[in-house]
C-alpha atoms as a PDB file:
ATOM      1  CA  MET A   1       0.000   0.000   0.000  1.00  0.00           C
ATOM      2  CA  ARG A   2       1.360   3.395  -0.959  1.00  0.00           C
ATOM      3  CA  THR A   3       2.116   5.873   1.799  1.00  0.00           C
ATOM      4  CA  SER A   4      -0.635   8.290   0.775  1.00  0.00           C
ATOM      5  CA  GLU A   5      -3.188   5.459   0.679  1.00  0.00           C
ATOM      6  CA  ARG A   6      -2.061   4.153   4.060  1.00  0.00           C
ATOM      7  CA  ILE A   7      -2.304   7.608   5.623  1.00  0.00           C
ATOM      8  CA  GLY A   8      -5.742   7.997   4.072  1.00  0.00           C
ATOM      9  CA  VAL A   9      -6.848   4.841   5.887  1.00  0.00           C
ATOM     10  CA  VAL A  10      -5.468   6.270   9.109  1.00  0.00           C
ATOM     11  CA  VAL A  11      -7.428   9.490   8.644  1.00  0.00           C
ATOM     12  CA  ALA A  12     -10.625   7.554   8.100  1.00  0.00           C
ATOM     13  CA  ALA A  13     -10.011   5.404  11.164  1.00  0.00           C
ATOM     14  CA  LEU A  14      -9.088   8.431  13.198  1.00  0.00           C
ATOM     15  CA  ALA A  15     -12.317  10.171  12.233  1.00  0.00           C
ATOM     16  CA  VAL A  16     -14.244   7.313  13.802  1.00  0.00           C
ATOM     17  CA  ALA A  17     -12.206   7.578  17.000  1.00  0.00           C
ATOM     18  CA  PHE A  18     -12.455  11.349  17.084  1.00  0.00           C
ATOM     19  CA  PHE A  19     -16.200  11.557  16.645  1.00  0.00           C
ATOM     20  CA  ALA A  20     -17.283   8.489  18.574  1.00  0.00           C
ATOM     21  CA  ALA A  21     -17.672  10.552  21.733  1.00  0.00           C
ATOM     22  CA  GLY A  22     -19.777  13.322  20.190  1.00  0.00           C
ATOM     23  CA  PRO A  23     -20.055  15.971  17.467  1.00  0.00           C
ATOM     24  CA  ALA A  24     -16.965  17.671  16.153  1.00  0.00           C
ATOM     25  CA  PHE A  25     -16.269  21.356  15.855  1.00  0.00           C
ATOM     26  CA  ALA A  26     -15.188  23.109  12.688  1.00  0.00           C
ATOM     27  CA  PHE A  27     -11.687  24.524  12.606  1.00  0.00           C
ATOM     28  CA  GLU A  28      -9.993  26.684  10.038  1.00  0.00           C
ATOM     29  CA  GLY A  29      -6.447  26.056  11.225  1.00  0.00           C
ATOM     30  CA  THR A  30      -3.267  25.671   9.285  1.00  0.00           C
ATOM     31  CA  THR A  31      -1.277  22.611   8.464  1.00  0.00           C
ATOM     32  CA  PRO A  32       2.215  22.281   9.902  1.00  0.00           C
ATOM     33  CA  GLY A  33       4.359  24.941   8.282  1.00  0.00           C
ATOM     34  CA  ASN A  34       6.810  24.124   5.568  1.00  0.00           C
ATOM     35  CA  GLN A  35       9.007  27.097   6.348  1.00  0.00           C
ATOM     36  CA  ASP A  36      12.101  25.286   7.541  1.00  0.00           C
ATOM     37  CA  ALA A  37      14.122  27.207  10.102  1.00  0.00           C
ATOM     38  CA  THR A  38      17.328  28.628   8.712  1.00  0.00           C
ATOM     39  CA  LEU A  39      19.975  26.208   9.910  1.00  0.00           C
ATOM     40  CA  PRO A  40      23.663  26.295   9.030  1.00  0.00           C
ATOM     41  CA  VAL A  41      25.176  23.825   6.595  1.00  0.00           C
ATOM     42  CA  VAL A  42      28.227  22.464   8.317  1.00  0.00           C
ATOM     43  CA  ALA A  43      31.507  21.626   6.667  1.00  0.00           C
ATOM     44  CA  ALA A  44      32.510  18.020   6.178  1.00  0.00           C
ATOM     45  CA  PRO A  45      33.847  16.526   9.421  1.00  0.00           C
ATOM     46  CA  THR A  46      37.617  16.550   9.727  1.00  0.00           C
ATOM     47  CA  GLY A  47      39.220  13.518   8.151  1.00  0.00           C
ATOM     48  CA  VAL A  48      36.661  12.801   5.468  1.00  0.00           C
ATOM     49  CA  ALA A  49      36.658  13.594   1.773  1.00  0.00           C
ATOM     50  CA  VAL A  50      39.620  15.887   1.265  1.00  0.00           C
ATOM     51  CA  ILE A  51      39.977  14.842  -2.369  1.00  0.00           C
ATOM     52  CA  LYS A  52      36.967  14.183  -4.541  1.00  0.00           C
ATOM     53  CA  LYS A  53      37.182  10.971  -6.492  1.00  0.00           C
ATOM     54  CA  PRO A  54      35.351   9.966  -9.654  1.00  0.00           C
ATOM     55  CA  VAL A  55      31.862   8.792  -8.787  1.00  0.00           C
ATOM     56  CA  PRO A  56      31.212   5.217  -9.879  1.00  0.00           C
ATOM     57  CA  PRO A  57      27.826   4.398 -11.389  1.00  0.00           C
ATOM     58  CA  ALA A  58      25.023   3.852  -8.888  1.00  0.00           C
ATOM     59  CA  ASP A  59      24.098   0.405 -10.182  1.00  0.00           C
ATOM     60  CA  ILE A  60      26.219  -2.633  -9.410  1.00  0.00           C
ATOM     61  CA  PRO A  61      26.507  -5.076 -12.322  1.00  0.00           C
ATOM     62  CA  GLN A  62      24.237  -8.052 -11.869  1.00  0.00           C
ATOM     63  CA  PRO A  63      26.410 -11.142 -11.353  1.00  0.00           C
ATOM     64  CA  PRO A  64      25.252 -13.488  -8.574  1.00  0.00           C
ATOM     65  CA  ALA A  65      25.084 -11.460  -5.346  1.00  0.00           C
ATOM     66  CA  THR A  66      27.678 -13.522  -3.518  1.00  0.00           C
ATOM     67  CA  LEU A  67      29.847 -12.218  -0.724  1.00  0.00           C
ATOM     68  CA  SER A  68      32.937 -12.424  -2.933  1.00  0.00           C
ATOM     69  CA  ALA A  69      31.242 -10.370  -5.649  1.00  0.00           C
ATOM     70  CA  LEU A  70      30.302  -7.695  -3.129  1.00  0.00           C
ATOM     71  CA  GLN A  71      33.813  -7.691  -1.699  1.00  0.00           C
ATOM     72  CA  TYR A  72      35.297  -7.323  -5.178  1.00  0.00           C
ATOM     73  CA  ALA A  73      33.019  -4.366  -5.937  1.00  0.00           C
ATOM     74  CA  ALA A  74      33.682  -2.832  -2.525  1.00  0.00           C
ATOM     75  CA  GLU A  75      37.438  -3.036  -2.972  1.00  0.00           C
ATOM     76  CA  GLY A  76      36.938  -1.259  -6.281  1.00  0.00           C
ATOM     77  CA  GLY A  77      35.401   1.659  -4.418  1.00  0.00           C
ATOM     78  CA  HIS A  78      31.737   0.998  -5.220  1.00  0.00           C
ATOM     79  CA  PRO A  79      29.682   2.712  -2.484  1.00  0.00           C
ATOM     80  CA  VAL A  80      26.616   0.487  -2.906  1.00  0.00           C
ATOM     81  CA  ALA A  81      28.693  -2.650  -2.342  1.00  0.00           C
ATOM     82  CA  GLN A  82      30.445  -1.045   0.620  1.00  0.00           C
ATOM     83  CA  TRP A  83      27.075  -0.102   2.108  1.00  0.00           C
ATOM     84  CA  LYS A  84      25.638  -3.589   1.624  1.00  0.00           C
ATOM     85  CA  LEU A  85      28.667  -5.204   3.237  1.00  0.00           C
ATOM     86  CA  GLY A  86      28.601  -2.710   6.084  1.00  0.00           C
ATOM     87  CA  ARG A  87      24.970  -3.516   6.773  1.00  0.00           C
ATOM     88  CA  MET A  88      25.641  -7.254   6.562  1.00  0.00           C
ATOM     89  CA  TYR A  89      28.418  -7.058   9.159  1.00  0.00           C
ATOM     90  CA  ALA A  90      26.425  -4.696  11.371  1.00  0.00           C
ATOM     91  CA  LYS A  91      23.450  -7.073  11.437  1.00  0.00           C
ATOM     92  CA  GLY A  92      25.291 -10.386  11.161  1.00  0.00           C
ATOM     93  CA  ASP A  93      23.311 -11.083   7.994  1.00  0.00           C
ATOM     94  CA  GLY A  94      25.005 -13.978   6.194  1.00  0.00           C
ATOM     95  CA  VAL A  95      28.325 -13.218   7.917  1.00  0.00           C
ATOM     96  CA  ALA A  96      29.608 -13.177  11.477  1.00  0.00           C
ATOM     97  CA  GLN A  97      28.431  -9.971  13.151  1.00  0.00           C
ATOM     98  CA  ASP A  98      31.348  -7.541  13.305  1.00  0.00           C
ATOM     99  CA  ASP A  99      30.693  -3.882  14.118  1.00  0.00           C
ATOM    100  CA  LEU A 100      34.286  -2.866  13.509  1.00  0.00           C
ATOM    101  CA  ARG A 101      34.247  -4.200   9.955  1.00  0.00           C
ATOM    102  CA  ALA A 102      30.902  -2.478   9.414  1.00  0.00           C
ATOM    103  CA  TYR A 103      32.395   0.741  10.760  1.00  0.00           C
ATOM    104  CA  ASP A 104      35.324   0.436   8.349  1.00  0.00           C
ATOM    105  CA  TYR A 105      33.039   0.009   5.328  1.00  0.00           C
ATOM    106  CA  PHE A 106      30.905   2.982   6.343  1.00  0.00           C
ATOM    107  CA  SER A 107      34.075   5.025   6.855  1.00  0.00           C
ATOM    108  CA  LYS A 108      35.245   4.245   3.322  1.00  0.00           C
ATOM    109  CA  ILE A 109      31.994   5.650   1.950  1.00  0.00           C
ATOM    110  CA  ALA A 110      32.212   8.789   4.081  1.00  0.00           C
ATOM    111  CA  ASN A 111      35.881   9.379   3.268  1.00  0.00           C
ATOM    112  CA  ALA A 112      35.399   9.035  -0.482  1.00  0.00           C
ATOM    113  CA  HIS A 113      32.022  10.707  -0.997  1.00  0.00           C
ATOM    114  CA  ALA A 114      31.440  13.365   1.674  1.00  0.00           C
ATOM    115  CA  GLU A 115      31.572  16.136  -0.918  1.00  0.00           C
ATOM    116  CA  ASP A 116      29.347  14.456  -3.478  1.00  0.00           C
ATOM    117  CA  SER A 117      26.325  16.456  -4.545  1.00  0.00           C
ATOM    118  CA  PRO A 118      23.198  15.893  -2.408  1.00  0.00           C
ATOM    119  CA  SER A 119      21.424  15.119  -5.690  1.00  0.00           C
ATOM    120  CA  ALA A 120      23.934  12.447  -6.745  1.00  0.00           C
ATOM    121  CA  PRO A 121      22.544   8.914  -7.217  1.00  0.00           C
ATOM    122  CA  GLN A 122      24.525   7.608  -4.244  1.00  0.00           C
ATOM    123  CA  ALA A 123      23.727  10.552  -1.941  1.00  0.00           C
ATOM    124  CA  THR A 124      21.274   8.583   0.206  1.00  0.00           C
ATOM    125  CA  ILE A 125      23.865   5.877   0.810  1.00  0.00           C
ATOM    126  CA  VAL A 126      26.519   8.437   1.707  1.00  0.00           C
ATOM    127  CA  ALA A 127      24.189  10.191   4.151  1.00  0.00           C
ATOM    128  CA  ASN A 128      23.198   6.876   5.716  1.00  0.00           C
ATOM    129  CA  ALA A 129      26.872   5.993   6.145  1.00  0.00           C
ATOM    130  CA  PHE A 130      27.382   9.200   8.136  1.00  0.00           C
ATOM    131  CA  VAL A 131      24.357   8.311  10.277  1.00  0.00           C
ATOM    132  CA  ALA A 132      25.724   4.812  10.921  1.00  0.00           C
ATOM    133  CA  LEU A 133      29.101   6.266  11.920  1.00  0.00           C
ATOM    134  CA  GLY A 134      27.383   8.761  14.207  1.00  0.00           C
ATOM    135  CA  ARG A 135      25.558   5.973  16.003  1.00  0.00           C
ATOM    136  CA  TYR A 136      28.801   4.085  16.505  1.00  0.00           C
ATOM    137  CA  TYR A 137      30.425   7.188  17.975  1.00  0.00           C
ATOM    138  CA  VAL A 138      27.525   7.690  20.400  1.00  0.00           C
ATOM    139  CA  SER A 139      28.406   4.549  22.352  1.00  0.00           C
ATOM    140  CA  GLY A 140      31.642   3.293  20.798  1.00  0.00           C
ATOM    141  CA  ILE A 141      32.431  -0.288  19.809  1.00  0.00           C
ATOM    142  CA  PRO A 142      33.591  -2.305  22.843  1.00  0.00           C
ATOM    143  CA  ASN A 143      37.158  -3.591  22.820  1.00  0.00           C
ATOM    144  CA  THR A 144      38.080  -1.764  19.618  1.00  0.00           C
ATOM    145  CA  ARG A 145      39.761   1.474  18.572  1.00  0.00           C
ATOM    146  CA  VAL A 146      36.344   3.093  18.120  1.00  0.00           C
ATOM    147  CA  LYS A 147      35.622   4.827  21.413  1.00  0.00           C
ATOM    148  CA  ALA A 148      32.526   6.715  22.480  1.00  0.00           C
ATOM    149  CA  ASP A 149      32.885  10.267  21.207  1.00  0.00           C
ATOM    150  CA  PRO A 150      29.668  12.330  21.451  1.00  0.00           C
ATOM    151  CA  GLU A 151      31.234  15.355  19.779  1.00  0.00           C
ATOM    152  CA  ARG A 152      32.294  13.256  16.812  1.00  0.00           C
ATOM    153  CA  ALA A 153      28.805  11.736  16.704  1.00  0.00           C
ATOM    154  CA  ARG A 154      27.338  15.224  16.568  1.00  0.00           C
ATOM    155  CA  GLU A 155      29.644  16.121  13.660  1.00  0.00           C
ATOM    156  CA  MET A 156      28.484  13.075  11.696  1.00  0.00           C
ATOM    157  CA  PHE A 157      24.793  13.697  12.332  1.00  0.00           C
ATOM    158  CA  SER A 158      25.136  17.445  11.689  1.00  0.00           C
ATOM    159  CA  TYR A 159      26.786  16.929   8.321  1.00  0.00           C
ATOM    160  CA  ALA A 160      24.265  14.365   7.091  1.00  0.00           C
ATOM    161  CA  ALA A 161      21.390  16.439   8.463  1.00  0.00           C
ATOM    162  CA  SER A 162      22.403  19.787   7.003  1.00  0.00           C
ATOM    163  CA  TYR A 163      24.306  18.958   3.806  1.00  0.00           C
ATOM    164  CA  PHE A 164      22.327  15.919   2.670  1.00  0.00           C
ATOM    165  CA  GLY A 165      19.059  16.770   4.447  1.00  0.00           C
ATOM    166  CA  ASN A 166      18.837  13.226   5.802  1.00  0.00           C
ATOM    167  CA  ALA A 167      15.799  12.706   8.057  1.00  0.00           C
ATOM    168  CA  GLU A 168      17.425  10.000  10.197  1.00  0.00           C
ATOM    169  CA  ALA A 169      20.368  12.290  10.866  1.00  0.00           C
ATOM    170  CA  GLN A 170      18.010  15.156  11.692  1.00  0.00           C
ATOM    171  CA  TYR A 171      16.182  12.982  14.223  1.00  0.00           C
ATOM    172  CA  ASN A 172      19.393  11.767  15.840  1.00  0.00           C
ATOM    173  CA  LEU A 173      20.748  15.305  15.983  1.00  0.00           C
ATOM    174  CA  ALA A 174      17.510  16.496  17.568  1.00  0.00           C
ATOM    175  CA  ARG A 175      17.837  13.846  20.274  1.00  0.00           C
ATOM    176  CA  MET A 176      21.365  15.005  21.037  1.00  0.00           C
ATOM    177  CA  TYR A 177      20.175  18.597  21.427  1.00  0.00           C
ATOM    178  CA  LEU A 178      17.239  17.552  23.600  1.00  0.00           C
ATOM    179  CA  ASP A 179      19.369  15.299  25.808  1.00  0.00           C
ATOM    180  CA  GLY A 180      22.411  17.594  25.906  1.00  0.00           C
ATOM    181  CA  VAL A 181      24.730  14.889  24.575  1.00  0.00           C
ATOM    182  CA  GLY A 182      27.902  16.170  22.916  1.00  0.00           C
ATOM    183  CA  MET A 183      26.634  19.743  23.198  1.00  0.00           C
ATOM    184  CA  PRO A 184      24.756  21.992  25.627  1.00  0.00           C
ATOM    185  CA  ARG A 185      21.092  21.072  25.929  1.00  0.00           C
ATOM    186  CA  ASP A 186      18.969  23.198  23.604  1.00  0.00           C
ATOM    187  CA  ILE A 187      15.263  22.314  23.382  1.00  0.00           C
ATOM    188  CA  ARG A 188      14.591  25.023  20.804  1.00  0.00           C
ATOM    189  CA  TYR A 189      17.100  23.573  18.313  1.00  0.00           C
ATOM    190  CA  GLY A 190      15.963  20.059  19.151  1.00  0.00           C
ATOM    191  CA  ILE A 191      12.390  20.925  18.208  1.00  0.00           C
ATOM    192  CA  ARG A 192      13.551  22.565  14.965  1.00  0.00           C
ATOM    193  CA  TRP A 193      15.405  19.448  13.871  1.00  0.00           C
ATOM    194  CA  LEU A 194      12.487  17.241  14.909  1.00  0.00           C
ATOM    195  CA  GLY A 195      10.202  19.355  12.750  1.00  0.00           C
ATOM    196  CA  LEU A 196      12.444  18.959   9.700  1.00  0.00           C
ATOM    197  CA  ALA A 197      12.605  15.185  10.127  1.00  0.00           C
ATOM    198  CA  ALA A 198       8.885  14.870  10.905  1.00  0.00           C
ATOM    199  CA  ARG A 199       7.883  16.672   7.714  1.00  0.00           C
ATOM    200  CA  LYS A 200       9.947  14.129   5.758  1.00  0.00           C
ATOM    201  CA  GLY A 201       8.011  11.260   7.365  1.00  0.00           C
ATOM    202  CA  GLN A 202      10.494  10.097  10.011  1.00  0.00           C
ATOM    203  CA  HIS A 203       7.988   8.498  12.378  1.00  0.00           C
ATOM    204  CA  GLN A 204      10.108   8.637  15.532  1.00  0.00           C
ATOM    205  CA  ALA A 205      10.561  12.372  15.029  1.00  0.00           C
ATOM    206  CA  GLN A 206       6.828  12.694  14.413  1.00  0.00           C
ATOM    207  CA  ALA A 207       6.104  10.857  17.663  1.00  0.00           C
ATOM    208  CA  LEU A 208       8.521  12.810  19.815  1.00  0.00           C
ATOM    209  CA  LEU A 209       7.512  16.145  18.285  1.00  0.00           C
ATOM    210  CA  GLY A 210       3.846  15.266  18.726  1.00  0.00           C
ATOM    211  CA  GLN A 211       4.395  14.282  22.340  1.00  0.00           C
ATOM    212  CA  MET A 212       6.229  17.531  23.088  1.00  0.00           C
ATOM    213  CA  LEU A 213       3.664  19.718  21.340  1.00  0.00           C
ATOM    214  CA  PHE A 214       0.728  17.967  22.987  1.00  0.00           C
ATOM    215  CA  ASN A 215       2.254  18.365  26.444  1.00  0.00           C
ATOM    216  CA  GLY A 216       3.715  21.815  25.811  1.00  0.00           C
ATOM    217  CA  THR A 217       7.271  20.645  26.513  1.00  0.00           C
ATOM    218  CA  GLY A 218       9.767  23.349  25.587  1.00  0.00           C
ATOM    219  CA  SER A 219       7.216  25.360  23.629  1.00  0.00           C
ATOM    220  CA  GLN A 220       3.668  26.631  23.743  1.00  0.00           C
ATOM    221  CA  ARG A 221       1.191  23.754  23.976  1.00  0.00           C
ATOM    222  CA  GLN A 222      -0.380  22.824  20.644  1.00  0.00           C
ATOM    223  CA  ALA A 223      -2.560  19.836  21.491  1.00  0.00           C
ATOM    224  CA  ALA A 224      -4.218  19.413  18.099  1.00  0.00           C
ATOM    225  CA  ARG A 225      -0.978  19.583  16.147  1.00  0.00           C
ATOM    226  CA  GLY A 226       0.695  17.237  18.610  1.00  0.00           C
ATOM    227  CA  LEU A 227      -2.147  14.745  18.204  1.00  0.00           C
ATOM    228  CA  MET A 228      -1.828  14.965  14.430  1.00  0.00           C
ATOM    229  CA  TRP A 229       1.878  14.069  14.531  1.00  0.00           C
ATOM    230  CA  LEU A 230       1.260  11.254  17.007  1.00  0.00           C
ATOM    231  CA  THR A 231      -1.446   9.831  14.760  1.00  0.00           C
ATOM    232  CA  LEU A 232       0.915   9.742  11.781  1.00  0.00           C
ATOM    233  CA  ALA A 233       3.685   8.233  13.908  1.00  0.00           C
ATOM    234  CA  GLN A 234       1.663   5.418  15.423  1.00  0.00           C
ATOM    235  CA  ASP A 235       0.644   4.219  11.969  1.00  0.00           C
ATOM    236  CA  SER A 236       4.314   3.675  11.045  1.00  0.00           C
ATOM    237  CA  ALA A 237       5.550   2.433  14.435  1.00  0.00           C
ATOM    238  CA  GLY A 238       7.074  -1.022  14.609  1.00  0.00           C
ATOM    239  CA  PRO A 239       5.781  -3.689  17.002  1.00  0.00           C
ATOM    240  CA  ASP A 240       8.585  -2.952  19.471  1.00  0.00           C
ATOM    241  CA  GLU A 241       7.934   0.807  19.540  1.00  0.00           C
ATOM    242  CA  ILE A 242       5.382   0.623  22.302  1.00  0.00           C
ATOM    243  CA  TRP A 243       6.208   4.142  23.513  1.00  0.00           C
ATOM    244  CA  ILE A 244       4.817   5.617  20.303  1.00  0.00           C
ATOM    245  CA  LYS A 245       1.550   3.722  20.460  1.00  0.00           C
ATOM    246  CA  ASP A 246       1.169   4.488  24.170  1.00  0.00           C
ATOM    247  CA  SER A 247       1.863   8.190  23.601  1.00  0.00           C
ATOM    248  CA  TYR A 248      -0.795   8.286  20.892  1.00  0.00           C
ATOM    249  CA  LYS A 249      -3.396   6.517  23.035  1.00  0.00           C
ATOM    250  CA  THR A 250      -2.681   8.780  26.004  1.00  0.00           C
ATOM    251  CA  ALA A 251      -2.965  11.928  23.906  1.00  0.00           C
ATOM    252  CA  LEU A 252      -6.163  10.761  22.220  1.00  0.00           C
ATOM    253  CA  SER A 253      -7.783   9.997  25.574  1.00  0.00           C
ATOM    254  CA  LYS A 254      -6.813  13.394  26.993  1.00  0.00           C
ATOM    255  CA  ALA A 255      -7.657  15.478  23.925  1.00  0.00           C
ATOM    256  CA  SER A 256     -10.794  17.595  23.931  1.00  0.00           C
ATOM    257  CA  GLU A 257     -13.365  17.286  21.170  1.00  0.00           C
ATOM    258  CA  ASP A 258     -12.077  20.569  19.755  1.00  0.00           C
ATOM    259  CA  ASP A 259      -8.525  19.217  19.684  1.00  0.00           C
ATOM    260  CA  ARG A 260      -9.664  16.030  17.952  1.00  0.00           C
ATOM    261  CA  ALA A 261     -11.575  17.948  15.315  1.00  0.00           C
ATOM    262  CA  MET A 262      -8.640  20.276  14.661  1.00  0.00           C
ATOM    263  CA  ALA A 263      -6.201  17.355  14.442  1.00  0.00           C
ATOM    264  CA  LEU A 264      -8.453  15.587  11.951  1.00  0.00           C
ATOM    265  CA  GLN A 265      -8.556  18.597   9.659  1.00  0.00           C
ATOM    266  CA  MET A 266      -4.783  18.944   9.903  1.00  0.00           C
ATOM    267  CA  LEU A 267      -4.411  15.279   8.957  1.00  0.00           C
ATOM    268  CA  GLU A 268      -6.664  15.691   5.944  1.00  0.00           C
ATOM    269  CA  ARG A 269      -4.640  18.667   4.751  1.00  0.00           C
ATOM    270  CA  TRP A 270      -1.389  16.768   5.356  1.00  0.00           C
ATOM    271  CA  VAL A 271      -2.611  13.875   3.215  1.00  0.00           C
ATOM    272  CA  GLN A 272      -3.756  16.243   0.487  1.00  0.00           C
ATOM    273  CA  GLY A 273      -0.408  18.020   0.523  1.00  0.00           C
ATOM    274  CA  ARG A 274       1.467  14.733   0.201  1.00  0.00           C
ATOM    275  CA  ARG A 275      -0.667  13.748  -2.799  1.00  0.00           C
ATOM    276  CA  ASP A 276      -0.220  17.072  -4.617  1.00  0.00           C
END
């Protein structure tokens, strides 16, 4: 099911929940703004991409997808092969789980392609490599040379978030601002980054932003808008993301009929905007 169709189902289901308790109230509110806050584009983190190299084609030739074929392509500098191998070692998918080897493959991508255009075919892979490296730097890799380095993690997330506009990086960076990890705590910047990621469909950012708006944490309370984000988030939440589903249920039970009606109209406008 396409995203717009799935969200449409959510809106319909939500309407039932919203109006089950009584009549709704009309609201001529606005949808979440698309005016992104002006945020600085950071320079590439020190130690990556000093010299730009020729960009290999985005598609790997189609021999049998064996480990040796991937390794051959990776050694030739192919970022897609390097990414696939990195993910395999990170997850232990078909190979022995080895975070250090995964880290090394992700580092090769970041070192060779940090200055590639954000519109390049491999840009998503490059941004995701920076995100993966950032996550490793948050906690380190036990018994290896990769130590916990929150400031380095922030550099990785900041670069992927600002230069490539990567939603996962924006969410992770927001969490660092909100928790004060690797930088002074700054709720205002955390909310800005959450908003950027939420508008791109990152469901964890949608959930956390919705929770904060509904409760008025760090900003003026906007219950209807918070409920809208929580509704979108809970539809995409995985089975282990109980906190998202619980946050949605709690907000829905506490919301007034006015808030429910406003949130429903915001959802309808969101869906329409995504279809246009």
